[in-house]
Amino acid sequence: MKKQIAILFTVAFMLSACTLLTPDSPTPSGIVETATDQPVQASLTPTNTLTPTPSPTATLTPTSTPTETPPPTPTPSPTATLEPVTVAQLDAVLREYGYTRQPFKGIGTYTNLRPGETGYLYSGDNWIEPIIVYTDGYVRFEVLNDLDSRGGQMEKKLEMLDEIFPAEFMVELRQAHETYLETAPRSVSGDAAQVWPPPPKDFWSSLEGQYNVSNMTIGSYQVAFALWFWQIECPPGFICWFPAFGDLVFLGQSSFVFYNIEIYIAP
């Protein structure tokens, strides 16, 4: 707030009153009587002079207007760095939801999708929609690419992740998940982003391929959305079936398309 200094000068006025003399009036104190025969004409000169205004004894110089200093901005406390989700945390959540774990290298443990890495397949109520977790932090959530159910089935898996991932991350992950499904087709065609051909002497001749891949970074995590193609072949002389589909029997080749979300977490 700016301060103002006001200099006040007081002017003193001294007023003299003049008294009119008459024969009957008592001698005013201002008249001198003499012994002469002639009366002394009193000369009463009223002193009606203003006393000069005194000069101020000191000249006050206004002080400089103080500069208003804004209050210092408080230094924000550093935001705590969130620890990344680990494989051990995910393992604990999956077990809590009733998933069982077994070693994994590929479908039927024949196709080695990630050579040199150790992975596990977590099976829940539907073995054909597993969760695949590698010890180096690679995770794949998989559901059948049925247009009527893929979104809801994947949401069941995302609900488990709500317990270990930050809320902001889960919001963005769900938004990206819904955006991807708006354009993801029912089946795959054209060139695959990556193909895993049947390994030698594979009993099922399993062929796998990844299509329609969308890579992005959400928070501090690398995430990918994709369609996954899997084809197997029932060997000649055998009758094959799928327990997950009501003991559906098949001969020759049979294929499926899955919708996947892949996330890289901490080992």
C-alpha atoms as a PDB file:
ATOM      1  CA  MET A   1       0.000   0.000   0.000  1.00  0.00           C
ATOM      2  CA  LYS A   2       1.365   3.391  -0.930  1.00  0.00           C
ATOM      3  CA  LYS A   3       1.774   5.878   1.914  1.00  0.00           C
ATOM      4  CA  GLN A   4       1.147   9.593   1.595  1.00  0.00           C
ATOM      5  CA  ILE A   5       2.681  12.253   3.825  1.00  0.00           C
ATOM      6  CA  ALA A   6       0.720  15.424   4.374  1.00  0.00           C
ATOM      7  CA  ILE A   7       2.509  18.544   5.663  1.00  0.00           C
ATOM      8  CA  LEU A   8       0.201  20.710   7.787  1.00  0.00           C
ATOM      9  CA  PHE A   9       0.917  24.388   8.405  1.00  0.00           C
ATOM     10  CA  THR A  10      -0.881  26.165  11.275  1.00  0.00           C
ATOM     11  CA  VAL A  11      -1.444  29.882  10.763  1.00  0.00           C
ATOM     12  CA  ALA A  12      -1.923  31.867  13.974  1.00  0.00           C
ATOM     13  CA  PHE A  13      -3.917  35.040  13.698  1.00  0.00           C
ATOM     14  CA  MET A  14      -3.729  37.562  16.558  1.00  0.00           C
ATOM     15  CA  LEU A  15      -6.681  39.932  16.636  1.00  0.00           C
ATOM     16  CA  SER A  16      -6.586  43.289  18.570  1.00  0.00           C
ATOM     17  CA  ALA A  17      -9.832  44.828  19.805  1.00  0.00           C
ATOM     18  CA  CYS A  18     -10.226  48.664  19.649  1.00  0.00           C
ATOM     19  CA  THR A  19     -12.098  50.381  22.591  1.00  0.00           C
ATOM     20  CA  LEU A  20     -14.007  53.623  21.836  1.00  0.00           C
ATOM     21  CA  LEU A  21     -13.313  56.374  24.396  1.00  0.00           C
ATOM     22  CA  THR A  22     -16.189  58.547  25.758  1.00  0.00           C
ATOM     23  CA  PRO A  23     -16.186  61.294  28.492  1.00  0.00           C
ATOM     24  CA  ASP A  24     -17.842  58.958  30.951  1.00  0.00           C
ATOM     25  CA  SER A  25     -15.685  56.035  30.132  1.00  0.00           C
ATOM     26  CA  PRO A  26     -13.093  54.996  32.617  1.00  0.00           C
ATOM     27  CA  THR A  27      -9.587  55.698  31.626  1.00  0.00           C
ATOM     28  CA  PRO A  28      -8.471  52.879  29.539  1.00  0.00           C
ATOM     29  CA  SER A  29      -5.246  51.298  30.457  1.00  0.00           C
ATOM     30  CA  GLY A  30      -3.837  52.404  27.171  1.00  0.00           C
ATOM     31  CA  ILE A  31      -4.225  56.242  27.917  1.00  0.00           C
ATOM     32  CA  VAL A  32      -1.581  58.382  29.680  1.00  0.00           C
ATOM     33  CA  GLU A  33      -2.846  61.477  31.670  1.00  0.00           C
ATOM     34  CA  THR A  34      -0.680  64.654  31.856  1.00  0.00           C
ATOM     35  CA  ALA A  35      -0.798  67.808  34.034  1.00  0.00           C
ATOM     36  CA  THR A  36      -1.215  70.330  31.253  1.00  0.00           C
ATOM     37  CA  ASP A  37      -4.222  72.561  30.800  1.00  0.00           C
ATOM     38  CA  GLN A  38      -4.895  71.109  27.460  1.00  0.00           C
ATOM     39  CA  PRO A  39      -6.157  67.610  27.421  1.00  0.00           C
ATOM     40  CA  VAL A  40      -3.874  65.286  25.763  1.00  0.00           C
ATOM     41  CA  GLN A  41      -5.448  63.895  22.726  1.00  0.00           C
ATOM     42  CA  ALA A  42      -5.077  60.215  23.071  1.00  0.00           C
ATOM     43  CA  SER A  43      -3.881  58.628  19.978  1.00  0.00           C
ATOM     44  CA  LEU A  44      -5.166  55.152  20.014  1.00  0.00           C
ATOM     45  CA  THR A  45      -3.864  53.341  17.068  1.00  0.00           C
ATOM     46  CA  PRO A  46      -5.324  49.908  16.997  1.00  0.00           C
ATOM     47  CA  THR A  47      -2.760  47.244  16.367  1.00  0.00           C
ATOM     48  CA  ASN A  48      -4.610  45.109  13.988  1.00  0.00           C
ATOM     49  CA  THR A  49      -1.514  43.609  12.393  1.00  0.00           C
ATOM     50  CA  LEU A  50      -1.387  40.001  11.416  1.00  0.00           C
ATOM     51  CA  THR A  51       1.448  38.047  12.857  1.00  0.00           C
ATOM     52  CA  PRO A  52       3.452  36.712   9.951  1.00  0.00           C
ATOM     53  CA  THR A  53       3.028  33.056   9.355  1.00  0.00           C
ATOM     54  CA  PRO A  54       6.076  31.282  10.697  1.00  0.00           C
ATOM     55  CA  SER A  55       8.084  29.307   8.264  1.00  0.00           C
ATOM     56  CA  PRO A  56       8.306  25.659   8.958  1.00  0.00           C
ATOM     57  CA  THR A  57      11.384  24.830  10.901  1.00  0.00           C
ATOM     58  CA  ALA A  58      12.084  21.817   8.799  1.00  0.00           C
ATOM     59  CA  THR A  59      11.188  20.788   5.305  1.00  0.00           C
ATOM     60  CA  LEU A  60       9.916  17.237   5.183  1.00  0.00           C
ATOM     61  CA  THR A  61      10.912  15.415   2.089  1.00  0.00           C
ATOM     62  CA  PRO A  62       8.383  12.745   1.127  1.00  0.00           C
ATOM     63  CA  THR A  63       9.902   9.335   1.364  1.00  0.00           C
ATOM     64  CA  SER A  64      10.084   7.289  -1.793  1.00  0.00           C
ATOM     65  CA  THR A  65       7.019   5.216  -2.474  1.00  0.00           C
ATOM     66  CA  PRO A  66       7.775   1.692  -1.291  1.00  0.00           C
ATOM     67  CA  THR A  67       7.711  -0.963  -3.973  1.00  0.00           C
ATOM     68  CA  GLU A  68       5.180  -3.671  -3.250  1.00  0.00           C
ATOM     69  CA  THR A  69       7.006  -6.973  -3.097  1.00  0.00           C
ATOM     70  CA  PRO A  70       4.882  -9.982  -4.057  1.00  0.00           C
ATOM     71  CA  PRO A  71       4.931 -12.804  -1.559  1.00  0.00           C
ATOM     72  CA  PRO A  72       7.417 -15.511  -2.479  1.00  0.00           C
ATOM     73  CA  THR A  73       5.969 -18.431  -4.415  1.00  0.00           C
ATOM     74  CA  PRO A  74       6.227 -21.534  -2.273  1.00  0.00           C
ATOM     75  CA  THR A  75       8.480 -24.158  -3.755  1.00  0.00           C
ATOM     76  CA  PRO A  76       6.328 -27.192  -4.597  1.00  0.00           C
ATOM     77  CA  SER A  77       7.289 -30.408  -2.984  1.00  0.00           C
ATOM     78  CA  PRO A  78       8.706 -32.885  -5.499  1.00  0.00           C
ATOM     79  CA  THR A  79       6.109 -35.341  -6.753  1.00  0.00           C
ATOM     80  CA  ALA A  80       6.787 -38.804  -5.544  1.00  0.00           C
ATOM     81  CA  THR A  81       7.936 -41.109  -8.295  1.00  0.00           C
ATOM     82  CA  LEU A  82       5.533 -44.009  -8.581  1.00  0.00           C
ATOM     83  CA  GLU A  83       7.205 -47.373  -8.479  1.00  0.00           C
ATOM     84  CA  PRO A  84       6.439 -49.414 -11.607  1.00  0.00           C
ATOM     85  CA  VAL A  85       4.203 -52.448 -11.334  1.00  0.00           C
ATOM     86  CA  THR A  86       6.228 -55.636 -11.121  1.00  0.00           C
ATOM     87  CA  VAL A  87       5.758 -59.206 -12.270  1.00  0.00           C
ATOM     88  CA  ALA A  88       5.495 -60.305  -8.638  1.00  0.00           C
ATOM     89  CA  GLN A  89       2.600 -57.891  -8.018  1.00  0.00           C
ATOM     90  CA  LEU A  90       0.746 -59.119 -11.095  1.00  0.00           C
ATOM     91  CA  ASP A  91       1.360 -62.732 -10.113  1.00  0.00           C
ATOM     92  CA  ALA A  92      -0.172 -62.106  -6.676  1.00  0.00           C
ATOM     93  CA  VAL A  93      -3.293 -60.486  -8.156  1.00  0.00           C
ATOM     94  CA  LEU A  94      -3.827 -63.257 -10.704  1.00  0.00           C
ATOM     95  CA  ARG A  95      -3.558 -65.911  -8.009  1.00  0.00           C
ATOM     96  CA  GLU A  96      -6.033 -63.956  -5.891  1.00  0.00           C
ATOM     97  CA  TYR A  97      -8.517 -64.153  -8.769  1.00  0.00           C
ATOM     98  CA  GLY A  98      -8.078 -67.900  -9.076  1.00  0.00           C
ATOM     99  CA  TYR A  99      -5.641 -68.129 -11.999  1.00  0.00           C
ATOM    100  CA  THR A 100      -3.240 -71.056 -12.079  1.00  0.00           C
ATOM    101  CA  ARG A 101       0.253 -70.886 -13.543  1.00  0.00           C
ATOM    102  CA  GLN A 102       2.257 -73.234 -15.710  1.00  0.00           C
ATOM    103  CA  PRO A 103       5.448 -72.811 -17.758  1.00  0.00           C
ATOM    104  CA  PHE A 104       4.867 -71.341 -21.204  1.00  0.00           C
ATOM    105  CA  LYS A 105       6.798 -71.108 -24.438  1.00  0.00           C
ATOM    106  CA  GLY A 106       3.915 -70.934 -26.867  1.00  0.00           C
ATOM    107  CA  ILE A 107       0.564 -72.496 -27.693  1.00  0.00           C
ATOM    108  CA  GLY A 108       0.913 -76.131 -26.768  1.00  0.00           C
ATOM    109  CA  THR A 109       4.448 -75.240 -25.564  1.00  0.00           C
ATOM    110  CA  TYR A 110       5.703 -75.771 -29.122  1.00  0.00           C
ATOM    111  CA  THR A 111       6.186 -72.343 -30.637  1.00  0.00           C
ATOM    112  CA  ASN A 112       8.910 -70.415 -28.834  1.00  0.00           C
ATOM    113  CA  LEU A 113       7.582 -66.895 -29.192  1.00  0.00           C
ATOM    114  CA  ARG A 114      10.373 -65.227 -27.217  1.00  0.00           C
ATOM    115  CA  PRO A 115      13.579 -67.244 -27.414  1.00  0.00           C
ATOM    116  CA  GLY A 116      15.760 -67.007 -24.350  1.00  0.00           C
ATOM    117  CA  GLU A 117      12.969 -65.683 -22.110  1.00  0.00           C
ATOM    118  CA  THR A 118      11.052 -67.590 -19.451  1.00  0.00           C
ATOM    119  CA  GLY A 119       7.284 -67.206 -19.473  1.00  0.00           C
ATOM    120  CA  TYR A 120       4.224 -68.524 -17.686  1.00  0.00           C
ATOM    121  CA  LEU A 121       0.672 -69.092 -18.856  1.00  0.00           C
ATOM    122  CA  TYR A 122      -2.063 -68.167 -16.369  1.00  0.00           C
ATOM    123  CA  SER A 123      -5.349 -69.976 -16.938  1.00  0.00           C
ATOM    124  CA  GLY A 124      -8.663 -68.873 -15.471  1.00  0.00           C
ATOM    125  CA  ASP A 125     -12.195 -69.962 -16.221  1.00  0.00           C
ATOM    126  CA  ASN A 126     -11.414 -70.287 -19.947  1.00  0.00           C
ATOM    127  CA  TRP A 127      -8.106 -71.853 -20.907  1.00  0.00           C
ATOM    128  CA  ILE A 128      -8.301 -70.463 -24.443  1.00  0.00           C
ATOM    129  CA  GLU A 129      -8.252 -66.877 -23.097  1.00  0.00           C
ATOM    130  CA  PRO A 130      -5.083 -66.965 -20.992  1.00  0.00           C
ATOM    131  CA  ILE A 131      -2.807 -64.289 -19.570  1.00  0.00           C
ATOM    132  CA  ILE A 132       0.819 -64.749 -20.553  1.00  0.00           C
ATOM    133  CA  VAL A 133       3.516 -63.287 -18.292  1.00  0.00           C
ATOM    134  CA  TYR A 134       7.269 -63.416 -18.914  1.00  0.00           C
ATOM    135  CA  THR A 135       9.787 -62.871 -16.145  1.00  0.00           C
ATOM    136  CA  ASP A 136      11.358 -59.940 -18.025  1.00  0.00           C
ATOM    137  CA  GLY A 137       8.064 -57.991 -17.741  1.00  0.00           C
ATOM    138  CA  TYR A 138       6.283 -58.795 -21.023  1.00  0.00           C
ATOM    139  CA  VAL A 139       2.549 -59.392 -20.385  1.00  0.00           C
ATOM    140  CA  ARG A 140      -0.186 -60.367 -22.848  1.00  0.00           C
ATOM    141  CA  PHE A 141      -3.912 -60.333 -22.105  1.00  0.00           C
ATOM    142  CA  GLU A 142      -5.851 -62.384 -24.619  1.00  0.00           C
ATOM    143  CA  VAL A 143      -9.552 -62.829 -25.449  1.00  0.00           C
ATOM    144  CA  LEU A 144     -11.313 -64.279 -28.469  1.00  0.00           C
ATOM    145  CA  ASN A 145     -11.952 -61.659 -31.153  1.00  0.00           C
ATOM    146  CA  ASP A 146     -15.733 -61.962 -31.008  1.00  0.00           C
ATOM    147  CA  LEU A 147     -17.229 -58.542 -31.834  1.00  0.00           C
ATOM    148  CA  ASP A 148     -20.078 -59.111 -29.381  1.00  0.00           C
ATOM    149  CA  SER A 149     -17.966 -60.141 -26.389  1.00  0.00           C
ATOM    150  CA  ARG A 150     -14.322 -59.065 -26.835  1.00  0.00           C
ATOM    151  CA  GLY A 151     -14.779 -55.695 -25.119  1.00  0.00           C
ATOM    152  CA  GLY A 152     -16.556 -57.146 -22.084  1.00  0.00           C
ATOM    153  CA  GLN A 153     -14.183 -60.083 -21.760  1.00  0.00           C
ATOM    154  CA  MET A 154     -11.144 -57.798 -21.831  1.00  0.00           C
ATOM    155  CA  GLU A 155     -12.763 -55.510 -19.261  1.00  0.00           C
ATOM    156  CA  LYS A 156     -12.814 -58.446 -16.815  1.00  0.00           C
ATOM    157  CA  LYS A 157      -9.034 -58.612 -17.110  1.00  0.00           C
ATOM    158  CA  LEU A 158      -8.638 -54.849 -16.814  1.00  0.00           C
ATOM    159  CA  GLU A 159     -10.605 -54.886 -13.560  1.00  0.00           C
ATOM    160  CA  MET A 160      -7.855 -57.003 -12.024  1.00  0.00           C
ATOM    161  CA  LEU A 161      -5.274 -54.435 -13.080  1.00  0.00           C
ATOM    162  CA  ASP A 162      -7.177 -51.689 -11.238  1.00  0.00           C
ATOM    163  CA  GLU A 163      -5.713 -53.097  -8.017  1.00  0.00           C
ATOM    164  CA  ILE A 164      -2.071 -52.529  -8.937  1.00  0.00           C
ATOM    165  CA  PHE A 165      -1.896 -49.797 -11.617  1.00  0.00           C
ATOM    166  CA  PRO A 166      -2.414 -46.051 -11.007  1.00  0.00           C
ATOM    167  CA  ALA A 167      -5.952 -44.825 -11.680  1.00  0.00           C
ATOM    168  CA  GLU A 168      -4.732 -42.315 -14.288  1.00  0.00           C
ATOM    169  CA  PHE A 169      -3.032 -45.083 -16.229  1.00  0.00           C
ATOM    170  CA  MET A 170      -6.143 -47.274 -16.182  1.00  0.00           C
ATOM    171  CA  VAL A 171      -8.306 -44.426 -17.493  1.00  0.00           C
ATOM    172  CA  GLU A 172      -5.998 -43.898 -20.472  1.00  0.00           C
ATOM    173  CA  LEU A 173      -5.628 -47.638 -21.043  1.00  0.00           C
ATOM    174  CA  ARG A 174      -9.397 -48.089 -21.227  1.00  0.00           C
ATOM    175  CA  GLN A 175      -9.757 -45.132 -23.576  1.00  0.00           C
ATOM    176  CA  ALA A 176      -7.102 -46.581 -25.914  1.00  0.00           C
ATOM    177  CA  HIS A 177      -8.730 -50.020 -25.640  1.00  0.00           C
ATOM    178  CA  GLU A 178     -12.127 -48.663 -26.700  1.00  0.00           C
ATOM    179  CA  THR A 179     -10.617 -46.583 -29.504  1.00  0.00           C
ATOM    180  CA  TYR A 180      -8.803 -49.608 -30.918  1.00  0.00           C
ATOM    181  CA  LEU A 181     -11.949 -51.745 -30.918  1.00  0.00           C
ATOM    182  CA  GLU A 182     -13.796 -49.126 -32.977  1.00  0.00           C
ATOM    183  CA  THR A 183     -11.692 -50.078 -36.017  1.00  0.00           C
ATOM    184  CA  ALA A 184     -10.382 -53.578 -35.240  1.00  0.00           C
ATOM    185  CA  PRO A 185     -11.896 -56.029 -37.776  1.00  0.00           C
ATOM    186  CA  ARG A 186     -13.470 -59.398 -37.101  1.00  0.00           C
ATOM    187  CA  SER A 187     -10.736 -61.321 -38.919  1.00  0.00           C
ATOM    188  CA  VAL A 188      -7.201 -60.729 -40.135  1.00  0.00           C
ATOM    189  CA  SER A 189      -5.931 -60.379 -43.686  1.00  0.00           C
ATOM    190  CA  GLY A 190      -2.963 -59.094 -45.596  1.00  0.00           C
ATOM    191  CA  ASP A 191       0.580 -59.039 -44.315  1.00  0.00           C
ATOM    192  CA  ALA A 192       1.209 -59.794 -40.666  1.00  0.00           C
ATOM    193  CA  ALA A 193       3.391 -57.588 -38.483  1.00  0.00           C
ATOM    194  CA  GLN A 194       5.156 -60.768 -37.390  1.00  0.00           C
ATOM    195  CA  VAL A 195       4.725 -64.483 -38.146  1.00  0.00           C
ATOM    196  CA  TRP A 196       5.851 -67.507 -36.142  1.00  0.00           C
ATOM    197  CA  PRO A 197       5.852 -70.538 -38.512  1.00  0.00           C
ATOM    198  CA  PRO A 198       5.432 -74.092 -37.218  1.00  0.00           C
ATOM    199  CA  PRO A 199       8.598 -75.296 -35.553  1.00  0.00           C
ATOM    200  CA  PRO A 200      10.120 -78.549 -36.805  1.00  0.00           C
ATOM    201  CA  LYS A 201       8.312 -81.711 -35.771  1.00  0.00           C
ATOM    202  CA  ASP A 202       5.473 -79.734 -34.147  1.00  0.00           C
ATOM    203  CA  PHE A 203       2.667 -82.226 -33.552  1.00  0.00           C
ATOM    204  CA  TRP A 204       0.036 -79.492 -34.114  1.00  0.00           C
ATOM    205  CA  SER A 205       1.812 -77.594 -36.911  1.00  0.00           C
ATOM    206  CA  SER A 206       0.921 -74.416 -35.010  1.00  0.00           C
ATOM    207  CA  LEU A 207       1.175 -71.194 -37.000  1.00  0.00           C
ATOM    208  CA  GLU A 208       0.905 -67.816 -35.253  1.00  0.00           C
ATOM    209  CA  GLY A 209       0.847 -64.254 -36.533  1.00  0.00           C
ATOM    210  CA  GLN A 210       0.295 -60.748 -35.192  1.00  0.00           C
ATOM    211  CA  TYR A 211      -1.841 -58.236 -37.145  1.00  0.00           C
ATOM    212  CA  ASN A 212      -3.259 -54.721 -36.842  1.00  0.00           C
ATOM    213  CA  VAL A 213      -0.662 -53.675 -34.278  1.00  0.00           C
ATOM    214  CA  SER A 214      -1.034 -50.310 -32.544  1.00  0.00           C
ATOM    215  CA  ASN A 215       1.906 -49.303 -30.316  1.00  0.00           C
ATOM    216  CA  MET A 216       1.815 -46.439 -27.828  1.00  0.00           C
ATOM    217  CA  THR A 217       3.163 -45.187 -24.505  1.00  0.00           C
ATOM    218  CA  ILE A 218       0.734 -44.699 -21.631  1.00  0.00           C
ATOM    219  CA  GLY A 219       2.310 -43.130 -18.573  1.00  0.00           C
ATOM    220  CA  SER A 220       5.625 -44.934 -18.194  1.00  0.00           C
ATOM    221  CA  TYR A 221       4.454 -48.154 -19.847  1.00  0.00           C
ATOM    222  CA  GLN A 222       4.820 -49.418 -23.389  1.00  0.00           C
ATOM    223  CA  VAL A 223       1.472 -50.774 -24.564  1.00  0.00           C
ATOM    224  CA  ALA A 224       0.388 -52.533 -27.767  1.00  0.00           C
ATOM    225  CA  PHE A 225      -3.027 -53.521 -29.111  1.00  0.00           C
ATOM    226  CA  ALA A 226      -3.180 -56.239 -31.741  1.00  0.00           C
ATOM    227  CA  LEU A 227      -5.087 -59.117 -33.321  1.00  0.00           C
ATOM    228  CA  TRP A 228      -3.430 -62.482 -32.940  1.00  0.00           C
ATOM    229  CA  PHE A 229      -3.946 -65.338 -35.398  1.00  0.00           C
ATOM    230  CA  TRP A 230      -3.486 -68.943 -34.323  1.00  0.00           C
ATOM    231  CA  GLN A 231      -3.865 -71.956 -36.590  1.00  0.00           C
ATOM    232  CA  ILE A 232      -3.331 -75.614 -35.689  1.00  0.00           C
ATOM    233  CA  GLU A 233      -3.801 -78.817 -37.611  1.00  0.00           C
ATOM    234  CA  CYS A 234      -5.137 -82.120 -36.363  1.00  0.00           C
ATOM    235  CA  PRO A 235      -2.612 -84.782 -37.489  1.00  0.00           C
ATOM    236  CA  PRO A 236      -3.828 -87.421 -39.947  1.00  0.00           C
ATOM    237  CA  GLY A 237      -5.443 -90.430 -38.260  1.00  0.00           C
ATOM    238  CA  PHE A 238      -6.473 -88.406 -35.179  1.00  0.00           C
ATOM    239  CA  ILE A 239      -9.768 -86.921 -34.038  1.00  0.00           C
ATOM    240  CA  CYS A 240      -9.219 -83.635 -32.198  1.00  0.00           C
ATOM    241  CA  TRP A 241     -11.555 -81.539 -30.084  1.00  0.00           C
ATOM    242  CA  PHE A 242     -11.649 -78.394 -27.952  1.00  0.00           C
ATOM    243  CA  PRO A 243     -12.912 -78.891 -24.396  1.00  0.00           C
ATOM    244  CA  ALA A 244     -13.466 -75.139 -24.096  1.00  0.00           C
ATOM    245  CA  PHE A 245     -16.096 -75.284 -26.862  1.00  0.00           C
ATOM    246  CA  GLY A 246     -18.274 -78.067 -25.594  1.00  0.00           C
ATOM    247  CA  ASP A 247     -15.961 -80.819 -26.824  1.00  0.00           C
ATOM    248  CA  LEU A 248     -16.149 -79.449 -30.375  1.00  0.00           C
ATOM    249  CA  VAL A 249     -14.508 -81.969 -32.691  1.00  0.00           C
ATOM    250  CA  PHE A 250     -12.366 -80.884 -35.632  1.00  0.00           C
ATOM    251  CA  LEU A 251     -10.292 -82.545 -38.330  1.00  0.00           C
ATOM    252  CA  GLY A 252      -7.633 -80.904 -40.449  1.00  0.00           C
ATOM    253  CA  GLN A 253      -6.880 -77.224 -39.787  1.00  0.00           C
ATOM    254  CA  SER A 254      -8.651 -75.015 -37.287  1.00  0.00           C
ATOM    255  CA  SER A 255      -7.882 -71.351 -36.567  1.00  0.00           C
ATOM    256  CA  PHE A 256      -8.803 -68.602 -34.131  1.00  0.00           C
ATOM    257  CA  VAL A 257      -8.337 -64.848 -33.944  1.00  0.00           C
ATOM    258  CA  PHE A 258      -7.691 -63.194 -30.580  1.00  0.00           C
ATOM    259  CA  TYR A 259      -7.731 -59.623 -29.409  1.00  0.00           C
ATOM    260  CA  ASN A 260      -4.638 -58.814 -27.341  1.00  0.00           C
ATOM    261  CA  ILE A 261      -3.335 -56.072 -25.088  1.00  0.00           C
ATOM    262  CA  GLU A 262       0.388 -56.229 -24.393  1.00  0.00           C
ATOM    263  CA  ILE A 263       2.084 -54.288 -21.585  1.00  0.00           C
ATOM    264  CA  TYR A 264       5.720 -54.115 -20.506  1.00  0.00           C
ATOM    265  CA  ILE A 265       6.034 -53.919 -16.706  1.00  0.00           C
ATOM    266  CA  ALA A 266       9.014 -54.211 -14.375  1.00  0.00           C
ATOM    267  CA  PRO A 267      10.636 -57.652 -13.910  1.00  0.00           C
END
